[in-house]
N, C-alpha and C. Protein backbone atom coordinates (compact mmCIF):
# COMPACT_ATOMS: atom_id res chain seq x y z
N MET A 1 -11.25 1.79 -15.25
CA MET A 1 -12.38 2.53 -14.69
C MET A 1 -11.80 3.89 -14.26
N PRO A 2 -12.37 4.94 -14.65
CA PRO A 2 -11.93 6.30 -14.31
C PRO A 2 -12.13 6.60 -12.83
N TYR A 3 -11.39 7.47 -12.26
CA TYR A 3 -11.50 7.89 -10.87
C TYR A 3 -12.73 8.82 -10.78
N GLU A 4 -13.52 8.57 -9.78
CA GLU A 4 -14.70 9.47 -9.52
C GLU A 4 -14.37 10.12 -8.08
N THR A 5 -14.43 11.41 -8.06
CA THR A 5 -14.18 12.13 -6.85
C THR A 5 -15.30 11.82 -5.88
N PRO A 6 -15.12 11.61 -4.61
CA PRO A 6 -16.06 11.26 -3.74
C PRO A 6 -17.04 12.50 -3.53
N PRO A 7 -18.17 12.35 -3.08
CA PRO A 7 -19.07 13.53 -2.78
C PRO A 7 -18.60 14.40 -1.70
N ASP A 8 -19.14 15.66 -1.62
CA ASP A 8 -18.65 16.50 -0.54
C ASP A 8 -18.89 15.91 0.80
N LEU A 9 -17.92 15.99 1.69
CA LEU A 9 -17.90 15.37 2.99
C LEU A 9 -19.10 15.80 3.80
N ALA A 10 -19.55 17.03 3.67
CA ALA A 10 -20.62 17.56 4.48
C ALA A 10 -21.95 16.87 4.14
N GLY A 11 -22.05 16.31 2.92
CA GLY A 11 -23.26 15.72 2.49
C GLY A 11 -23.32 14.20 2.65
N MET A 12 -22.23 13.64 3.30
CA MET A 12 -22.17 12.26 3.48
C MET A 12 -22.60 11.82 4.95
N SER A 13 -23.32 10.80 5.13
CA SER A 13 -23.57 10.18 6.38
C SER A 13 -22.29 9.40 6.87
N LEU A 14 -22.27 9.06 8.22
CA LEU A 14 -21.20 8.27 8.67
C LEU A 14 -21.17 6.91 8.08
N ALA A 15 -22.31 6.33 7.75
CA ALA A 15 -22.34 5.11 7.11
C ALA A 15 -21.81 5.18 5.65
N GLN A 16 -22.10 6.21 4.93
CA GLN A 16 -21.55 6.46 3.60
C GLN A 16 -20.02 6.60 3.63
N ILE A 17 -19.57 7.41 4.70
CA ILE A 17 -18.11 7.56 4.76
C ILE A 17 -17.38 6.22 5.03
N ALA A 18 -17.98 5.43 6.03
CA ALA A 18 -17.39 4.12 6.32
C ALA A 18 -17.40 3.29 5.06
N ALA A 19 -18.44 3.30 4.33
CA ALA A 19 -18.48 2.44 3.01
C ALA A 19 -17.39 2.95 2.08
N ALA A 20 -17.23 4.25 1.88
CA ALA A 20 -16.19 4.80 1.03
C ALA A 20 -14.79 4.38 1.50
N VAL A 21 -14.54 4.39 2.84
CA VAL A 21 -13.29 3.94 3.41
C VAL A 21 -13.06 2.54 3.06
N GLU A 22 -14.13 1.73 3.30
CA GLU A 22 -14.02 0.23 2.98
C GLU A 22 -13.79 -0.18 1.60
N GLN A 23 -14.38 0.68 0.65
CA GLN A 23 -14.28 0.34 -0.79
C GLN A 23 -12.94 0.70 -1.38
N ARG A 24 -12.13 1.55 -0.69
CA ARG A 24 -10.82 1.95 -1.24
C ARG A 24 -9.90 0.74 -1.12
N LYS A 25 -9.51 0.22 -2.22
CA LYS A 25 -8.63 -0.88 -2.24
C LYS A 25 -7.25 -0.39 -2.29
N LEU A 26 -6.39 -0.76 -1.38
CA LEU A 26 -4.93 -0.29 -1.40
C LEU A 26 -4.04 -1.51 -1.55
N PRO A 27 -2.87 -1.20 -2.15
CA PRO A 27 -1.89 -2.25 -2.37
C PRO A 27 -1.45 -2.84 -1.04
N PRO A 28 -1.00 -4.13 -0.95
CA PRO A 28 -0.66 -4.69 0.34
C PRO A 28 0.79 -4.36 0.74
N VAL A 29 1.15 -3.10 0.85
CA VAL A 29 2.59 -2.70 1.04
C VAL A 29 3.17 -3.27 2.27
N GLU A 30 2.32 -3.44 3.30
CA GLU A 30 2.89 -4.12 4.50
C GLU A 30 3.31 -5.55 4.39
N GLN A 31 2.98 -6.17 3.34
CA GLN A 31 3.30 -7.55 3.06
C GLN A 31 4.63 -7.66 2.19
N TRP A 32 5.02 -6.53 1.62
CA TRP A 32 6.07 -6.57 0.68
C TRP A 32 7.42 -6.43 1.39
N GLN A 33 8.41 -7.16 1.02
CA GLN A 33 9.76 -7.16 1.55
C GLN A 33 10.77 -6.85 0.35
N PRO A 34 10.76 -5.62 -0.09
CA PRO A 34 11.66 -5.42 -1.34
C PRO A 34 13.14 -5.41 -0.91
N PRO A 35 13.91 -6.03 -1.72
CA PRO A 35 15.34 -6.30 -1.53
C PRO A 35 16.21 -5.05 -1.80
N GLU A 36 15.64 -4.09 -2.48
CA GLU A 36 16.48 -2.93 -2.93
C GLU A 36 15.95 -1.60 -2.39
N ILE A 37 16.81 -0.72 -2.06
CA ILE A 37 16.35 0.69 -1.58
C ILE A 37 17.09 1.61 -2.65
N ILE A 38 16.13 2.54 -3.19
CA ILE A 38 16.68 3.58 -4.12
C ILE A 38 16.08 4.89 -3.77
N ASP A 39 16.58 6.03 -4.25
CA ASP A 39 16.07 7.33 -4.04
C ASP A 39 15.01 7.58 -5.20
N SER A 40 13.92 7.97 -4.71
CA SER A 40 12.79 8.23 -5.74
C SER A 40 12.92 9.63 -6.37
N GLN A 41 13.75 10.54 -5.80
CA GLN A 41 13.93 11.84 -6.19
C GLN A 41 12.55 12.62 -6.10
N MET A 42 11.77 12.12 -5.12
CA MET A 42 10.48 12.82 -4.80
C MET A 42 10.50 13.44 -3.54
N ARG A 43 9.60 14.46 -3.37
CA ARG A 43 9.46 15.21 -2.13
C ARG A 43 7.98 15.62 -1.99
N ILE A 44 7.53 15.59 -0.78
CA ILE A 44 6.24 16.11 -0.43
C ILE A 44 6.46 17.35 0.41
N ALA A 45 6.11 18.48 -0.05
CA ALA A 45 6.29 19.75 0.58
C ALA A 45 5.29 19.81 1.75
N ALA A 46 5.61 20.74 2.66
CA ALA A 46 4.77 20.95 3.89
C ALA A 46 3.33 21.37 3.54
N ASP A 47 3.20 22.02 2.25
CA ASP A 47 1.84 22.40 1.92
C ASP A 47 1.08 21.28 1.07
N GLY A 48 1.60 20.16 1.12
CA GLY A 48 0.99 18.99 0.48
C GLY A 48 1.32 18.86 -1.00
N ARG A 49 2.00 19.65 -1.60
CA ARG A 49 2.38 19.44 -3.04
C ARG A 49 3.46 18.44 -3.15
N TRP A 50 3.39 17.58 -4.21
CA TRP A 50 4.40 16.58 -4.59
C TRP A 50 5.27 17.03 -5.65
N PHE A 51 6.58 16.67 -5.52
CA PHE A 51 7.55 17.04 -6.55
C PHE A 51 8.34 15.80 -6.97
N HIS A 52 8.82 15.83 -8.15
CA HIS A 52 9.75 14.74 -8.65
C HIS A 52 10.88 15.48 -9.32
N ALA A 53 12.17 15.27 -8.94
CA ALA A 53 13.31 15.86 -9.55
C ALA A 53 13.14 17.38 -9.52
N GLY A 54 12.51 18.00 -8.55
CA GLY A 54 12.36 19.43 -8.49
C GLY A 54 11.14 19.93 -9.07
N SER A 55 10.47 19.23 -9.94
CA SER A 55 9.26 19.72 -10.65
C SER A 55 8.04 19.21 -9.94
N PRO A 56 7.01 20.12 -9.90
CA PRO A 56 5.75 19.66 -9.30
C PRO A 56 5.02 18.59 -10.12
N ILE A 57 4.45 17.61 -9.43
CA ILE A 57 3.63 16.62 -10.05
C ILE A 57 2.20 17.17 -10.11
N GLY A 58 1.77 17.51 -11.26
CA GLY A 58 0.60 18.25 -11.51
C GLY A 58 -0.66 17.41 -11.71
N ARG A 59 -0.56 16.09 -11.80
CA ARG A 59 -1.71 15.24 -12.04
C ARG A 59 -2.23 14.64 -10.70
N PRO A 60 -3.41 15.01 -10.24
CA PRO A 60 -3.81 14.50 -8.92
C PRO A 60 -3.94 12.92 -8.92
N ALA A 61 -4.27 12.38 -10.05
CA ALA A 61 -4.36 10.90 -10.13
C ALA A 61 -3.06 10.25 -9.81
N MET A 62 -1.83 10.86 -10.29
CA MET A 62 -0.53 10.31 -10.03
C MET A 62 -0.19 10.39 -8.48
N VAL A 63 -0.64 11.57 -7.95
CA VAL A 63 -0.30 11.75 -6.48
C VAL A 63 -1.12 10.77 -5.75
N ARG A 64 -2.39 10.54 -6.05
CA ARG A 64 -3.23 9.62 -5.36
C ARG A 64 -2.62 8.19 -5.48
N ALA A 65 -2.21 7.81 -6.65
CA ALA A 65 -1.59 6.49 -6.82
C ALA A 65 -0.39 6.29 -5.97
N PHE A 66 0.58 7.32 -6.09
CA PHE A 66 1.82 7.26 -5.32
C PHE A 66 1.44 7.16 -3.76
N SER A 67 0.49 7.99 -3.31
CA SER A 67 0.22 8.01 -1.94
C SER A 67 -0.27 6.69 -1.41
N SER A 68 -0.82 5.87 -2.23
CA SER A 68 -1.25 4.47 -1.83
C SER A 68 -0.10 3.59 -1.56
N LEU A 69 1.14 3.97 -2.00
CA LEU A 69 2.29 3.17 -1.79
C LEU A 69 3.15 3.60 -0.63
N LEU A 70 2.77 4.67 0.06
CA LEU A 70 3.56 5.31 1.09
C LEU A 70 3.54 4.45 2.43
N MET A 71 4.78 4.45 3.02
CA MET A 71 4.84 3.84 4.36
C MET A 71 5.86 4.62 5.03
N ARG A 72 5.68 4.88 6.35
CA ARG A 72 6.67 5.53 7.25
C ARG A 72 7.17 4.45 8.22
N GLU A 73 8.53 4.31 8.15
CA GLU A 73 9.06 3.25 9.01
C GLU A 73 9.37 3.86 10.46
N ASP A 74 9.80 2.96 11.36
CA ASP A 74 9.94 3.33 12.79
C ASP A 74 10.98 4.50 12.93
N ASP A 75 11.89 4.66 12.08
CA ASP A 75 12.89 5.76 12.21
C ASP A 75 12.31 7.03 11.74
N GLY A 76 11.08 7.09 11.17
CA GLY A 76 10.50 8.28 10.71
C GLY A 76 10.64 8.55 9.23
N GLN A 77 11.43 7.73 8.53
CA GLN A 77 11.68 7.82 7.15
C GLN A 77 10.54 7.27 6.29
N HIS A 78 10.11 8.02 5.26
CA HIS A 78 9.06 7.65 4.32
C HIS A 78 9.63 6.93 3.11
N TYR A 79 8.95 5.93 2.65
CA TYR A 79 9.25 5.27 1.55
C TYR A 79 8.03 4.95 0.56
N LEU A 80 8.19 4.93 -0.67
CA LEU A 80 7.24 4.35 -1.66
C LEU A 80 7.65 2.93 -1.80
N TYR A 81 6.71 2.04 -1.52
CA TYR A 81 6.93 0.56 -1.50
C TYR A 81 6.40 -0.08 -2.83
N THR A 82 7.28 -0.84 -3.51
CA THR A 82 6.88 -1.76 -4.52
C THR A 82 7.38 -3.18 -4.12
N PRO A 83 6.93 -4.24 -4.84
CA PRO A 83 7.48 -5.60 -4.55
C PRO A 83 8.95 -5.57 -4.80
N GLN A 84 9.47 -4.77 -5.72
CA GLN A 84 10.85 -4.90 -6.21
C GLN A 84 11.82 -3.98 -5.39
N CYS A 85 11.34 -2.87 -4.90
CA CYS A 85 12.19 -1.88 -4.19
C CYS A 85 11.34 -0.91 -3.36
N LYS A 86 12.07 -0.42 -2.37
CA LYS A 86 11.43 0.69 -1.67
C LYS A 86 12.20 1.91 -1.99
N GLN A 87 11.46 3.04 -2.29
CA GLN A 87 12.07 4.24 -2.73
C GLN A 87 11.92 5.35 -1.69
N LEU A 88 13.09 5.87 -1.31
CA LEU A 88 13.15 6.92 -0.35
C LEU A 88 12.34 8.15 -0.86
N ILE A 89 11.57 8.73 -0.01
CA ILE A 89 10.85 10.03 -0.40
C ILE A 89 11.02 10.97 0.69
N GLU A 90 11.31 12.20 0.39
CA GLU A 90 11.50 13.20 1.51
C GLU A 90 10.08 13.78 1.73
N VAL A 91 9.83 13.93 2.93
CA VAL A 91 8.53 14.48 3.49
C VAL A 91 8.86 15.62 4.42
N GLU A 92 8.56 16.84 4.01
CA GLU A 92 8.99 17.98 4.84
C GLU A 92 8.13 18.05 6.20
N ASP A 93 6.88 17.65 6.21
CA ASP A 93 6.14 17.74 7.45
C ASP A 93 5.35 16.43 7.62
N ALA A 94 4.19 16.34 6.89
CA ALA A 94 3.38 15.11 6.89
C ALA A 94 3.12 14.72 5.48
N ALA A 95 2.86 13.44 5.39
CA ALA A 95 2.66 12.91 4.08
C ALA A 95 1.33 13.39 3.37
N PHE A 96 0.38 13.74 4.19
CA PHE A 96 -0.96 14.08 3.74
C PHE A 96 -1.35 15.47 4.44
N LEU A 97 -2.39 16.03 3.90
CA LEU A 97 -3.08 17.18 4.49
C LEU A 97 -4.52 16.75 4.66
N ALA A 98 -5.09 17.16 5.90
CA ALA A 98 -6.50 17.02 6.12
C ALA A 98 -7.14 18.32 5.73
N VAL A 99 -7.97 18.27 4.72
CA VAL A 99 -8.58 19.55 4.21
C VAL A 99 -10.09 19.83 4.53
N ASP A 100 -10.71 18.87 5.19
CA ASP A 100 -12.05 19.08 5.66
C ASP A 100 -12.37 18.09 6.66
N MET A 101 -13.39 18.43 7.52
CA MET A 101 -13.80 17.64 8.62
C MET A 101 -15.32 17.57 8.71
N ARG A 102 -15.82 16.49 9.26
CA ARG A 102 -17.24 16.35 9.44
C ARG A 102 -17.46 15.54 10.71
N SER A 103 -18.37 16.03 11.62
CA SER A 103 -18.68 15.29 12.82
C SER A 103 -20.12 14.73 12.75
N GLN A 104 -20.23 13.52 13.12
CA GLN A 104 -21.49 12.90 13.15
C GLN A 104 -21.49 11.65 14.12
N ASP A 105 -22.45 11.48 14.90
CA ASP A 105 -22.62 10.19 15.66
C ASP A 105 -21.41 9.89 16.44
N ASN A 106 -20.82 10.90 17.16
CA ASN A 106 -19.61 10.70 17.96
C ASN A 106 -18.48 10.18 17.18
N ALA A 107 -18.39 10.62 15.89
CA ALA A 107 -17.27 10.29 15.06
C ALA A 107 -16.79 11.51 14.29
N LEU A 108 -15.48 11.71 14.05
CA LEU A 108 -14.97 12.70 13.28
C LEU A 108 -14.34 12.20 12.02
N ALA A 109 -14.82 12.63 10.85
CA ALA A 109 -14.30 12.15 9.58
C ALA A 109 -13.57 13.30 8.88
N PHE A 110 -12.49 12.94 8.25
CA PHE A 110 -11.65 13.86 7.62
C PHE A 110 -11.44 13.52 6.11
N ARG A 111 -11.40 14.55 5.22
CA ARG A 111 -11.10 14.32 3.83
C ARG A 111 -9.62 14.84 3.69
N LEU A 112 -8.82 14.02 3.05
CA LEU A 112 -7.38 14.39 2.79
C LEU A 112 -7.19 15.05 1.43
N ASN A 113 -6.07 15.63 1.21
CA ASN A 113 -5.76 16.25 -0.11
C ASN A 113 -5.73 15.25 -1.24
N THR A 114 -5.69 13.92 -0.93
CA THR A 114 -5.76 12.94 -1.91
C THR A 114 -7.15 12.38 -2.11
N ASP A 115 -8.06 12.96 -1.55
CA ASP A 115 -9.54 12.51 -1.48
C ASP A 115 -9.82 11.31 -0.66
N ASP A 116 -8.71 10.77 0.07
CA ASP A 116 -8.99 9.71 1.02
C ASP A 116 -9.89 10.19 2.11
N LEU A 117 -10.76 9.29 2.72
CA LEU A 117 -11.50 9.61 3.75
C LEU A 117 -10.99 8.82 5.02
N VAL A 118 -10.78 9.51 6.15
CA VAL A 118 -10.28 8.86 7.33
C VAL A 118 -11.08 9.22 8.58
N VAL A 119 -11.55 8.29 9.33
CA VAL A 119 -12.38 8.55 10.56
C VAL A 119 -11.34 8.37 11.69
N ALA A 120 -11.24 9.47 12.46
CA ALA A 120 -10.40 9.46 13.68
C ALA A 120 -10.91 8.41 14.65
N GLY A 121 -9.96 7.79 15.36
CA GLY A 121 -10.35 6.79 16.32
C GLY A 121 -9.08 6.12 16.77
N PRO A 122 -9.24 4.94 17.51
CA PRO A 122 -8.14 4.22 18.02
C PRO A 122 -7.01 3.88 16.96
N ASP A 123 -7.57 3.55 15.73
CA ASP A 123 -6.66 3.15 14.66
C ASP A 123 -6.08 4.37 13.83
N ASN A 124 -6.78 5.49 13.99
CA ASN A 124 -6.45 6.69 13.29
C ASN A 124 -6.51 7.91 14.31
N PRO A 125 -5.40 7.90 15.22
CA PRO A 125 -5.51 8.85 16.32
C PRO A 125 -5.17 10.34 15.87
N LEU A 126 -5.66 11.33 16.60
CA LEU A 126 -5.33 12.69 16.49
C LEU A 126 -4.15 12.97 17.45
N ARG A 127 -3.28 13.81 17.01
CA ARG A 127 -2.09 14.11 17.84
C ARG A 127 -1.86 15.60 17.76
N ALA A 128 -1.73 16.27 18.95
CA ALA A 128 -1.38 17.69 19.03
C ALA A 128 0.18 17.77 19.12
N ASP A 129 0.69 18.67 18.37
CA ASP A 129 2.15 18.98 18.41
C ASP A 129 2.40 20.46 18.37
N GLY A 130 3.62 20.88 18.43
CA GLY A 130 3.97 22.24 18.40
C GLY A 130 3.91 22.78 19.84
N ASP A 131 3.52 24.08 19.95
CA ASP A 131 3.38 24.68 21.28
C ASP A 131 2.02 25.51 21.30
N ALA A 132 1.83 26.17 22.38
CA ALA A 132 0.55 26.96 22.54
C ALA A 132 0.45 28.01 21.52
N ASP A 133 1.61 28.69 21.13
CA ASP A 133 1.55 29.78 20.20
C ASP A 133 1.48 29.26 18.75
N CYS A 134 1.89 28.06 18.51
CA CYS A 134 1.90 27.56 17.10
C CYS A 134 1.53 26.05 17.22
N PRO A 135 0.23 25.73 17.54
CA PRO A 135 -0.03 24.26 17.57
C PRO A 135 -0.26 23.73 16.22
N ALA A 136 -0.10 22.41 16.12
CA ALA A 136 -0.34 21.70 14.89
C ALA A 136 -1.08 20.36 15.25
N MET A 137 -2.00 20.00 14.42
CA MET A 137 -2.79 18.78 14.68
C MET A 137 -2.47 17.78 13.53
N TYR A 138 -2.17 16.59 13.96
CA TYR A 138 -1.98 15.47 13.02
C TYR A 138 -2.98 14.38 13.26
N LEU A 139 -3.31 13.75 12.09
CA LEU A 139 -4.16 12.54 12.08
C LEU A 139 -3.54 11.37 11.54
N GLY A 140 -3.51 10.25 12.31
CA GLY A 140 -2.90 9.07 11.77
C GLY A 140 -3.76 8.55 10.57
N VAL A 141 -3.03 8.19 9.47
CA VAL A 141 -3.71 7.80 8.24
C VAL A 141 -3.56 6.32 8.11
N ARG A 142 -2.39 5.86 7.68
CA ARG A 142 -2.12 4.40 7.44
C ARG A 142 -0.60 4.20 7.28
N HIS A 143 -0.15 2.99 7.67
CA HIS A 143 1.22 2.59 7.55
C HIS A 143 2.17 3.64 8.16
N GLY A 144 1.88 4.13 9.31
CA GLY A 144 2.66 5.10 10.05
C GLY A 144 2.59 6.53 9.53
N CYS A 145 1.99 6.78 8.38
CA CYS A 145 1.83 8.12 7.75
C CYS A 145 0.77 8.94 8.50
N GLU A 146 0.92 10.23 8.43
CA GLU A 146 0.07 11.13 9.08
C GLU A 146 -0.43 12.24 8.09
N ALA A 147 -1.51 12.87 8.47
CA ALA A 147 -1.99 14.01 7.79
C ALA A 147 -1.96 15.22 8.76
N ARG A 148 -1.37 16.37 8.33
CA ARG A 148 -1.45 17.55 9.17
C ARG A 148 -2.86 18.27 8.75
N LEU A 149 -3.55 18.66 9.83
CA LEU A 149 -4.79 19.45 9.52
C LEU A 149 -4.44 20.83 9.04
N ASP A 150 -4.94 21.18 7.82
CA ASP A 150 -4.68 22.50 7.38
C ASP A 150 -5.40 23.56 8.26
N ARG A 151 -5.09 24.84 8.08
CA ARG A 151 -5.66 25.82 9.06
C ARG A 151 -7.22 25.73 9.14
N SER A 152 -7.93 25.69 7.99
CA SER A 152 -9.36 25.72 8.10
C SER A 152 -9.94 24.40 8.84
N THR A 153 -9.33 23.38 8.58
CA THR A 153 -9.78 22.07 9.17
C THR A 153 -9.41 22.10 10.71
N TRP A 154 -8.24 22.68 11.08
CA TRP A 154 -7.94 22.81 12.53
C TRP A 154 -8.97 23.73 13.15
N LEU A 155 -9.40 24.79 12.45
CA LEU A 155 -10.38 25.70 13.06
C LEU A 155 -11.72 25.06 13.19
N GLN A 156 -12.14 24.19 12.15
CA GLN A 156 -13.36 23.37 12.26
C GLN A 156 -13.30 22.52 13.51
N LEU A 157 -12.17 21.80 13.70
CA LEU A 157 -11.94 20.92 14.78
C LEU A 157 -12.10 21.72 16.20
N ALA A 158 -11.44 22.84 16.26
CA ALA A 158 -11.40 23.63 17.47
C ALA A 158 -12.82 24.21 17.79
N GLN A 159 -13.53 24.64 16.73
CA GLN A 159 -14.88 25.09 16.95
C GLN A 159 -15.79 23.97 17.47
N TYR A 160 -15.69 22.77 16.91
CA TYR A 160 -16.42 21.60 17.38
C TYR A 160 -16.12 21.33 18.77
N ALA A 161 -14.81 21.32 19.22
CA ALA A 161 -14.41 21.06 20.59
C ALA A 161 -14.94 22.16 21.50
N LEU A 162 -14.86 23.37 21.10
CA LEU A 162 -15.45 24.48 21.98
C LEU A 162 -16.95 24.30 22.21
N ALA A 163 -17.59 23.82 21.17
CA ALA A 163 -19.11 23.61 21.32
C ALA A 163 -19.48 22.44 22.24
N GLN A 164 -18.47 21.47 22.39
CA GLN A 164 -18.69 20.27 23.21
C GLN A 164 -18.40 20.44 24.75
N GLN A 165 -17.61 21.37 25.05
CA GLN A 165 -17.04 21.46 26.40
C GLN A 165 -16.89 22.92 26.80
N ASP A 166 -16.74 23.03 28.15
CA ASP A 166 -16.73 24.34 28.80
C ASP A 166 -15.29 24.85 29.14
N ASP A 167 -14.26 24.09 29.08
CA ASP A 167 -12.92 24.41 29.50
C ASP A 167 -12.00 24.59 28.24
N PRO A 168 -11.97 25.89 27.71
CA PRO A 168 -11.14 26.08 26.48
C PRO A 168 -9.67 25.84 26.78
N ALA A 169 -9.19 25.85 28.01
CA ALA A 169 -7.77 25.58 28.37
C ALA A 169 -7.34 24.14 28.17
N ASN A 170 -8.36 23.26 28.23
CA ASN A 170 -8.00 21.78 28.03
C ASN A 170 -8.96 21.12 27.04
N LEU A 171 -8.86 21.63 25.81
CA LEU A 171 -9.79 21.19 24.84
C LEU A 171 -9.50 19.79 24.37
N SER A 172 -10.45 18.90 24.15
CA SER A 172 -10.32 17.57 23.68
C SER A 172 -11.58 17.22 22.87
N VAL A 173 -11.45 16.22 22.04
CA VAL A 173 -12.49 15.69 21.21
C VAL A 173 -12.50 14.16 21.39
N THR A 174 -13.70 13.56 21.18
CA THR A 174 -13.76 12.14 21.21
C THR A 174 -14.37 11.76 19.87
N SER A 175 -13.67 10.60 19.36
CA SER A 175 -14.17 10.01 18.06
C SER A 175 -14.03 8.51 18.07
N MET A 176 -15.07 7.83 17.81
CA MET A 176 -14.99 6.33 17.91
C MET A 176 -14.60 5.80 19.14
N GLY A 177 -14.97 6.53 20.23
CA GLY A 177 -14.68 6.05 21.61
C GLY A 177 -13.29 6.47 22.10
N ALA A 178 -12.48 7.09 21.40
CA ALA A 178 -11.16 7.51 21.75
C ALA A 178 -11.15 9.03 21.97
N THR A 179 -10.50 9.50 23.03
CA THR A 179 -10.46 10.96 23.39
C THR A 179 -9.06 11.42 22.98
N PHE A 180 -8.96 12.63 22.39
CA PHE A 180 -7.78 13.16 21.93
C PHE A 180 -7.62 14.60 22.37
N ALA A 181 -6.55 14.97 23.07
CA ALA A 181 -6.30 16.34 23.52
C ALA A 181 -5.92 17.21 22.26
N LEU A 182 -6.38 18.40 22.28
CA LEU A 182 -6.15 19.39 21.21
C LEU A 182 -5.03 20.41 21.50
N THR A 183 -4.49 20.28 22.75
CA THR A 183 -3.38 21.15 23.09
C THR A 183 -2.09 20.42 23.24
N PRO A 184 -1.07 20.92 22.70
CA PRO A 184 0.27 20.17 22.80
C PRO A 184 0.72 20.04 24.19
N SER A 185 1.28 18.83 24.46
CA SER A 185 1.80 18.61 25.79
C SER A 185 3.16 19.04 26.09
């Protein structure tokens, strides 16, 4: 079955977003205990581009497939998991980029550079990092991996937060009942 790009996030209701998230079938990487560790010769650049042996991976379907196998372990190292082996992958910043945001019904939904949809909340927290001069926002995705919000998505989130509250010094947002500070601590 060919891959169909999801509709524009702005045109989707929260129920449609939740259904799209539910329909995405991912490999059970958390159940696999591969006996071998090898180097994948892959790298995810800070701008979200994927490379193999120094060359860019130009097929979005391959990136999407590989991204479904990603897991970040407790030591911060990323791996591509298969039942036979886990393959070391270099990640310069975050494994994903959040490239769009939608707010609806007290929920914040994000589209990733892999077309995944993620709703921020207790299971997918937002995290502020960096400092006041150079803040960075991250969204928990799955298996310990995060997405960094790109500049336009970060601005969408900041504008949403400013419209919701009066104190720009202590910006925060709430999604799915969880509140997240937008300023680094």
